[in-house]
Amino acid sequence: EEEPPPPPPPKQEKLEVVWPTYGFDNERHRVGPFELRPPFRRIWTFRARQLLEFPPAIAYGRLYFTNNSGVLFAVNAKTGKRAWKFDSRRCVAASPAVDGGTVYASFMNRPPCNSKVKPGRLEGEVIAFAAGFGKIRWRTRIGPTESSPLVANDRVYVGDWRGRVYALDTETGRVRWTFQGKGRIKSALALSGKRLYVGTYKGYLYALSAATGKVIWRARSQDRLGGRGQFYSTPALAYGRVYIGSTDGKVYSFGATTGKLRWSQGTGGYVYASPAVWRKRVYAGSYGDRFYAFDAATGDVVWRFRANGDISGSATIVNGVVYFSTFEKRTYALDARSGKLLWTFDDGQYAGVVADRERLYLIGHARVYGMVER
């Protein structure tokens, strides 16, 4: 299927929602419709004091993002000055979503962050904040969740460590339906049409009805020596396919209608990254120091690039340039068509970049940089 053309870049004077959600859109394409190209120069730096694992949402002239120790920040996009913050005193590994003047954010258990939480404990929360001053509109207790919220159909969709998917009412936070899957859910959901897609830590991929939560189909990662790869990666939806990375080192493509496996391609290292999809290609990095562009139809490797360290975070594409970061704290900008190196920056670890019409925002280990074209 042909990809729809990207929407025209929003005019920023009106202060609307510019980058609403993790991966830019609900299909999680990870492509921003802006004109920026490297090289860049830094105009401000915001210090978040703790690891920044997931990228901001951008709306109303602000960046909204969380650090690992549970602080949600609202930061002025032009100046890098903090507008407000909320300290949840919980662990966080997700991006907020912004819709209709409300910021939705997912929170895990209280520290220590990778501790074993007793099964069934409602140790996580989804909280809705007024975007302007951070006033809490509602909060709903669920299992620990590192699922970046998906907002659509007057619902907030998230998954939790208990393997549950929730549809919450955007106005009240009330649970409209739940679905119980097999294995922890650590990723965000993706939505195309009336279907939601989500992977689990037991290697299941589910297609669900967005209206009811009923299962349409389920698929699995491939069997390997009696074990299966886990899905931490958030699915990307394009061309009638579901693209997802796995800890078995493969990127998978499943038919979105049927769940039938179309292809899988090995990378030589865990793929925690959520794939980016642009112009019939699928982009993802792995723990083998390599970043790949795959043919979306066949899975053939179009090009590969050797980085300076393992790649855990997901890539973002802006104006034909693909950005990703490594554990060696470097961010790369490559030509998405050829894989040619265009620019690097000596910070970055997981989250890569987001953008608006005027600025690129690069997420370092514990800092956010506002950048403009040189």
Protein backbone atom coordinates (compact mmCIF):
# COMPACT_ATOMS: atom_id res chain seq x y z
CA GLU A 1 0.00 0.00 0.00
CA GLU A 2 1.17 3.51 -0.76
CA GLU A 3 2.20 5.59 2.21
CA PRO A 4 0.11 8.74 2.62
CA PRO A 5 2.11 11.94 2.09
CA PRO A 6 3.32 13.48 5.36
CA PRO A 7 1.14 16.28 6.70
CA PRO A 8 2.38 19.83 6.07
CA PRO A 9 4.55 21.13 8.92
CA PRO A 10 2.37 22.80 11.56
CA LYS A 11 2.67 26.57 11.91
CA GLN A 12 4.14 27.09 15.33
CA GLU A 13 2.84 30.56 16.08
CA LYS A 14 -0.52 29.00 16.96
CA LEU A 15 1.11 26.90 19.68
CA GLU A 16 -0.53 23.65 18.77
CA VAL A 17 0.49 20.06 19.26
CA VAL A 18 3.60 19.57 17.12
CA TRP A 19 4.99 16.15 18.15
CA PRO A 20 2.06 14.54 19.97
CA THR A 21 3.30 11.09 20.89
CA TYR A 22 6.11 8.55 20.98
CA GLY A 23 7.08 7.86 17.36
CA PHE A 24 5.28 11.05 16.17
CA ASP A 25 2.01 9.36 15.11
CA ASN A 26 -0.15 6.49 16.33
CA GLU A 27 1.25 4.17 13.64
CA ARG A 28 4.65 4.91 15.26
CA HIS A 29 6.38 5.74 11.96
CA ARG A 30 9.01 7.84 13.80
CA VAL A 31 9.13 10.41 10.97
CA GLY A 32 8.85 14.16 11.65
CA PRO A 33 7.51 16.30 8.76
CA PHE A 34 10.03 19.13 9.17
CA GLU A 35 12.72 20.64 6.93
CA LEU A 36 15.72 20.70 9.27
CA ARG A 37 19.10 19.32 8.12
CA PRO A 38 22.46 19.00 9.88
CA PRO A 39 24.86 20.49 10.85
CA PHE A 40 23.34 22.04 13.97
CA ARG A 41 24.52 24.39 16.69
CA ARG A 42 23.33 24.33 20.26
CA ILE A 43 21.30 27.30 21.55
CA TRP A 44 20.30 25.97 24.98
CA THR A 45 20.87 23.04 27.34
CA PHE A 46 18.44 21.70 29.94
CA ARG A 47 19.85 19.54 32.73
CA ALA A 48 17.44 16.80 33.84
CA ARG A 49 19.89 15.38 36.45
CA GLN A 50 18.90 11.77 35.72
CA LEU A 51 18.84 9.44 32.74
CA LEU A 52 16.51 10.42 29.90
CA GLU A 53 15.44 7.18 28.29
CA PHE A 54 12.52 8.37 26.15
CA PRO A 55 12.02 11.44 23.95
CA PRO A 56 9.72 14.42 24.60
CA ALA A 57 6.35 15.23 23.17
CA ILE A 58 6.14 18.80 21.80
CA ALA A 59 3.04 20.95 22.19
CA TYR A 60 1.96 24.52 22.99
CA GLY A 61 5.54 25.79 22.67
CA ARG A 62 6.88 23.29 25.21
CA LEU A 63 8.67 19.97 25.48
CA TYR A 64 7.11 17.43 27.86
CA PHE A 65 9.38 14.60 29.02
CA THR A 66 10.27 12.45 32.02
CA ASN A 67 13.54 11.36 33.58
CA ASN A 68 14.13 7.88 34.97
CA SER A 69 13.62 8.96 38.56
CA GLY A 70 10.04 9.99 37.86
CA VAL A 71 10.10 13.75 37.25
CA LEU A 72 7.87 15.04 34.45
CA PHE A 73 9.21 18.32 33.02
CA ALA A 74 7.49 20.98 30.91
CA VAL A 75 10.24 23.05 29.26
CA ASN A 76 9.96 26.11 27.01
CA ALA A 77 10.98 24.99 23.51
CA LYS A 78 12.48 28.37 22.57
CA THR A 79 14.51 29.06 25.72
CA GLY A 80 15.04 25.71 27.46
CA LYS A 81 13.63 27.17 30.70
CA ARG A 82 11.44 25.00 32.90
CA ALA A 83 7.74 25.96 32.97
CA TRP A 84 6.71 23.35 35.57
CA LYS A 85 7.61 19.93 36.89
CA PHE A 86 5.90 17.08 38.71
CA ASP A 87 7.80 14.58 40.86
CA SER A 88 5.98 11.23 40.90
CA ARG A 89 8.66 9.54 43.04
CA ARG A 90 8.22 6.57 40.74
CA CYS A 91 10.40 5.04 38.06
CA VAL A 92 9.65 6.10 34.49
CA ALA A 93 10.63 4.73 31.07
CA ALA A 94 8.11 6.21 28.64
CA SER A 95 7.28 9.30 26.59
CA PRO A 96 4.21 11.37 27.46
CA ALA A 97 1.46 11.96 24.90
CA VAL A 98 -0.33 15.29 24.45
CA ASP A 99 -3.87 15.79 23.22
CA GLY A 100 -6.51 18.47 23.75
CA GLY A 101 -4.59 20.48 26.34
CA THR A 102 -3.80 17.38 28.41
CA VAL A 103 -0.49 15.58 28.97
CA TYR A 104 -0.81 11.83 29.61
CA ALA A 105 2.11 10.04 31.27
CA SER A 106 2.85 6.46 32.41
CA PHE A 107 4.61 5.62 35.67
CA MET A 108 6.14 2.42 37.05
CA ASN A 109 6.71 1.22 40.61
CA ARG A 110 8.56 3.20 43.26
CA PRO A 111 12.37 2.77 43.33
CA PRO A 112 14.47 0.65 43.17
CA CYS A 113 13.51 0.69 39.53
CA ASN A 114 14.28 -2.80 38.27
CA SER A 115 13.05 -4.47 41.44
CA LYS A 116 10.78 -7.47 41.31
CA VAL A 117 7.23 -6.28 41.82
CA LYS A 118 4.84 -8.80 43.34
CA PRO A 119 2.52 -10.14 40.62
CA GLY A 120 -0.84 -8.45 40.57
CA ARG A 121 0.26 -5.39 42.54
CA LEU A 122 -1.15 -2.12 41.19
CA GLU A 123 2.19 -0.36 41.53
CA GLY A 124 1.95 1.81 38.40
CA GLU A 125 -0.12 4.80 37.37
CA VAL A 126 -1.33 6.72 34.37
CA ILE A 127 -1.75 10.41 35.18
CA ALA A 128 -3.43 13.14 33.11
CA PHE A 129 -2.09 16.68 33.63
CA ALA A 130 -3.33 20.05 32.41
CA ALA A 131 -0.65 21.06 29.89
CA GLY A 132 -0.57 24.68 31.07
CA PHE A 133 0.42 24.43 34.74
CA GLY A 134 0.57 20.70 35.41
CA LYS A 135 -2.61 20.41 37.48
CA ILE A 136 -3.61 16.75 37.82
CA ARG A 137 -6.89 16.03 36.04
CA TRP A 138 -7.05 12.35 36.97
CA ARG A 139 -4.85 9.41 37.93
CA THR A 140 -5.57 5.70 37.47
CA ARG A 141 -3.69 2.90 39.23
CA ILE A 142 -2.60 -0.04 37.07
CA GLY A 143 0.38 -2.41 37.13
CA PRO A 144 3.84 -0.88 36.66
CA THR A 145 3.83 0.61 33.16
CA GLU A 146 6.57 1.74 30.81
CA SER A 147 4.10 1.92 27.92
CA SER A 148 4.09 5.38 26.28
CA PRO A 149 0.38 6.30 26.13
CA LEU A 150 -1.48 6.11 22.83
CA VAL A 151 -4.38 8.59 22.65
CA ALA A 152 -7.21 8.03 20.15
CA ASN A 153 -11.00 7.54 20.07
CA ASP A 154 -11.38 9.41 23.42
CA ARG A 155 -9.26 6.65 24.95
CA VAL A 156 -5.76 6.34 26.40
CA TYR A 157 -4.28 2.93 25.58
CA VAL A 158 -1.41 1.51 27.67
CA GLY A 159 -0.02 -1.88 28.68
CA ASP A 160 1.51 -2.97 31.99
CA TRP A 161 3.93 -5.52 33.48
CA ARG A 162 1.04 -7.82 34.34
CA GLY A 163 0.44 -8.32 30.62
CA ARG A 164 -2.70 -6.23 30.61
CA VAL A 165 -3.79 -3.67 28.01
CA TYR A 166 -6.07 -0.89 29.25
CA ALA A 167 -8.39 1.49 27.43
CA LEU A 168 -8.93 4.46 29.76
CA ASP A 169 -11.40 7.29 29.24
CA THR A 170 -9.45 10.45 28.28
CA GLU A 171 -11.75 12.69 30.37
CA THR A 172 -12.04 10.66 33.57
CA GLY A 173 -9.37 7.93 33.52
CA ARG A 174 -12.04 5.28 34.02
CA VAL A 175 -11.23 1.81 32.66
CA ARG A 176 -13.36 1.12 29.57
CA TRP A 177 -11.93 -2.32 28.81
CA THR A 178 -8.92 -4.50 29.55
CA PHE A 179 -7.21 -7.34 27.71
CA GLN A 180 -4.95 -9.93 29.36
CA GLY A 181 -1.98 -11.02 27.24
CA LYS A 182 0.81 -13.51 27.90
CA GLY A 183 3.98 -11.90 29.24
CA ARG A 184 4.86 -8.42 30.48
CA ILE A 185 4.03 -5.52 28.20
CA LYS A 186 6.91 -3.04 28.14
CA SER A 187 6.26 -1.28 24.85
CA ALA A 188 3.74 1.23 23.60
CA LEU A 189 0.78 0.16 21.48
CA ALA A 190 0.39 1.17 17.84
CA LEU A 191 -2.91 1.91 16.12
CA SER A 192 -4.01 1.69 12.50
CA GLY A 193 -7.67 2.04 11.61
CA LYS A 194 -9.66 0.13 14.22
CA ARG A 195 -6.83 -2.15 15.31
CA LEU A 196 -4.28 -1.95 18.09
CA TYR A 197 -1.00 -3.88 17.97
CA VAL A 198 1.26 -4.75 20.90
CA GLY A 199 4.09 -7.18 21.70
CA THR A 200 4.91 -8.92 24.99
CA TYR A 201 7.97 -10.18 26.82
CA LYS A 202 6.95 -13.77 26.10
CA GLY A 203 7.30 -13.13 22.38
CA TYR A 204 3.62 -12.71 21.50
CA LEU A 205 2.32 -10.06 19.13
CA TYR A 206 -1.39 -9.25 19.39
CA ALA A 207 -3.84 -7.45 17.13
CA LEU A 208 -6.80 -6.19 19.16
CA SER A 209 -10.03 -4.37 18.43
CA ALA A 210 -9.53 -0.77 19.59
CA ALA A 211 -13.23 -0.57 20.47
CA THR A 212 -13.52 -3.70 22.63
CA GLY A 213 -10.05 -5.16 23.29
CA LYS A 214 -11.04 -8.47 21.67
CA VAL A 215 -8.20 -10.44 20.05
CA ILE A 216 -8.22 -10.42 16.25
CA TRP A 217 -5.05 -12.51 15.91
CA ARG A 218 -1.86 -13.37 17.72
CA ALA A 219 1.57 -14.26 16.36
CA ARG A 220 4.89 -15.26 17.94
CA SER A 221 8.58 -14.63 17.54
CA GLN A 222 10.44 -17.60 16.06
CA ASP A 223 11.46 -20.55 18.24
CA ARG A 224 15.18 -20.66 18.95
CA LEU A 225 16.73 -23.50 20.98
CA GLY A 226 13.53 -23.87 22.96
CA GLY A 227 13.32 -20.15 23.77
CA ARG A 228 11.72 -17.20 22.04
CA GLY A 229 12.74 -13.61 21.59
CA GLN A 230 10.97 -10.99 23.67
CA PHE A 231 9.24 -7.93 22.24
CA TYR A 232 10.35 -4.77 24.03
CA SER A 233 10.14 -2.85 20.76
CA THR A 234 7.02 -0.83 19.92
CA PRO A 235 5.50 -1.97 16.59
CA ALA A 236 5.51 0.33 13.55
CA LEU A 237 2.59 0.01 11.10
CA ALA A 238 2.96 0.68 7.37
CA TYR A 239 2.24 -0.89 3.96
CA GLY A 240 -0.22 -3.35 5.52
CA ARG A 241 2.54 -4.74 7.74
CA VAL A 242 3.57 -4.71 11.39
CA TYR A 243 7.33 -4.17 11.91
CA ILE A 244 8.86 -5.00 15.30
CA GLY A 245 12.29 -5.73 16.79
CA SER A 246 13.04 -8.64 19.14
CA THR A 247 15.65 -9.60 21.72
CA ASP A 248 16.38 -12.65 19.54
CA GLY A 249 18.30 -10.21 17.31
CA LYS A 250 15.73 -10.11 14.53
CA VAL A 251 13.48 -7.50 13.00
CA TYR A 252 10.12 -9.03 12.04
CA SER A 253 7.46 -8.14 9.51
CA PHE A 254 3.95 -9.59 10.00
CA GLY A 255 0.86 -9.07 7.86
CA ALA A 256 -1.33 -6.54 9.68
CA THR A 257 -4.59 -8.20 8.59
CA THR A 258 -3.67 -11.84 9.27
CA GLY A 259 -0.63 -11.90 11.57
CA LYS A 260 1.20 -14.08 9.04
CA LEU A 261 5.00 -13.80 9.16
CA ARG A 262 6.23 -12.01 6.01
CA TRP A 263 9.94 -11.88 6.83
CA SER A 264 12.48 -11.81 9.63
CA GLN A 265 16.04 -10.53 9.37
CA GLY A 266 18.88 -11.09 11.87
CA THR A 267 21.10 -8.26 13.08
CA GLY A 268 23.65 -10.01 15.31
CA GLY A 269 22.46 -8.34 18.55
CA TYR A 270 19.34 -7.64 20.61
CA VAL A 271 16.86 -5.31 18.91
CA TYR A 272 15.25 -3.26 21.68
CA ALA A 273 14.70 -0.44 19.20
CA SER A 274 11.30 0.36 17.75
CA PRO A 275 11.65 0.45 13.95
CA ALA A 276 11.29 3.67 11.97
CA VAL A 277 9.56 3.41 8.59
CA TRP A 278 10.17 5.77 5.68
CA ARG A 279 9.91 5.44 1.89
CA LYS A 280 9.60 1.64 1.72
CA ARG A 281 12.43 1.12 4.18
CA VAL A 282 12.58 0.02 7.81
CA TYR A 283 15.32 1.40 10.09
CA ALA A 284 16.60 -0.07 13.36
CA GLY A 285 19.80 -0.45 15.32
CA SER A 286 20.94 -3.39 17.44
CA TYR A 287 23.31 -4.36 20.23
CA GLY A 288 25.84 -5.43 17.64
CA ASP A 289 27.04 -1.81 17.04
CA ARG A 290 25.19 -1.85 13.72
CA PHE A 291 22.42 0.31 12.33
CA TYR A 292 20.36 -1.12 9.45
CA ALA A 293 18.08 -0.04 6.64
CA PHE A 294 15.89 -2.94 5.44
CA ASP A 295 13.68 -3.21 2.38
CA ALA A 296 10.17 -2.99 3.87
CA ALA A 297 8.74 -5.57 1.44
CA THR A 298 11.46 -8.24 1.54
CA GLY A 299 13.61 -7.58 4.63
CA ASP A 300 16.75 -7.42 2.50
CA VAL A 301 19.49 -5.22 3.98
CA VAL A 302 19.71 -2.05 1.87
CA TRP A 303 22.65 -0.68 3.86
CA ARG A 304 24.28 -1.05 7.26
CA PHE A 305 26.38 1.37 9.27
CA ARG A 306 28.86 0.54 12.02
CA ALA A 307 28.49 2.85 15.04
CA ASN A 308 30.81 3.25 18.04
CA GLY A 309 28.72 1.12 20.40
CA ASP A 310 25.52 -0.80 21.04
CA ILE A 311 22.25 0.80 19.95
CA SER A 312 19.29 0.34 22.27
CA GLY A 313 17.10 3.35 21.50
CA SER A 314 14.93 3.98 18.47
CA ALA A 315 15.76 6.08 15.44
CA THR A 316 13.94 9.19 14.21
CA ILE A 317 13.82 10.48 10.64
CA VAL A 318 13.55 14.17 9.79
CA ASN A 319 13.85 15.39 6.19
CA GLY A 320 15.59 12.27 4.90
CA VAL A 321 18.10 12.16 7.77
CA VAL A 322 17.98 9.29 10.28
CA TYR A 323 19.15 10.00 13.85
CA PHE A 324 20.06 7.47 16.54
CA SER A 325 22.25 7.27 19.65
CA THR A 326 24.59 4.67 21.15
CA PHE A 327 25.59 3.52 24.63
CA GLU A 328 28.94 5.21 24.03
CA LYS A 329 27.05 8.52 24.31
CA ARG A 330 27.13 9.60 20.70
CA THR A 331 24.30 10.65 18.40
CA TYR A 332 24.62 9.98 14.67
CA ALA A 333 22.86 11.60 11.72
CA LEU A 334 22.96 9.52 8.51
CA ASP A 335 21.53 10.03 5.06
CA ALA A 336 18.49 7.72 5.23
CA ARG A 337 18.77 6.77 1.55
CA SER A 338 22.47 5.87 1.46
CA GLY A 339 23.61 5.41 5.06
CA LYS A 340 26.29 8.07 4.58
CA LEU A 341 27.40 9.80 7.79
CA LEU A 342 26.36 13.47 7.83
CA TRP A 343 26.93 14.63 11.42
CA THR A 344 27.59 13.46 14.99
CA PHE A 345 27.15 14.93 18.45
CA ASP A 346 28.95 13.80 21.60
CA ASP A 347 25.98 13.05 23.82
CA GLY A 348 22.94 10.83 23.52
CA GLN A 349 22.23 7.33 24.77
CA TYR A 350 18.68 6.14 24.17
CA ALA A 351 16.20 8.71 23.01
CA GLY A 352 17.74 10.29 19.90
CA VAL A 353 15.95 13.40 18.66
CA VAL A 354 12.59 15.08 18.11
CA ALA A 355 11.96 18.28 16.16
CA ASP A 356 9.63 21.11 15.29
CA ARG A 357 9.74 23.61 12.44
CA GLU A 358 12.55 25.70 13.88
CA ARG A 359 14.60 23.46 16.15
CA LEU A 360 15.99 19.98 16.61
CA TYR A 361 15.91 18.68 20.20
CA LEU A 362 18.65 16.18 20.94
CA ILE A 363 18.25 14.03 24.04
CA GLY A 364 21.52 13.27 25.79
CA HIS A 365 22.15 10.95 28.72
CA ALA A 366 20.69 13.46 31.20
CA ARG A 367 20.43 16.67 29.15
CA VAL A 368 18.22 18.02 26.41
CA TYR A 369 19.79 20.31 23.81
CA GLY A 370 17.86 22.85 21.76
CA MET A 371 19.55 23.18 18.36
CA VAL A 372 19.20 25.23 15.20
CA GLU A 373 20.72 24.79 11.75
CA ARG A 374 24.21 26.24 11.42
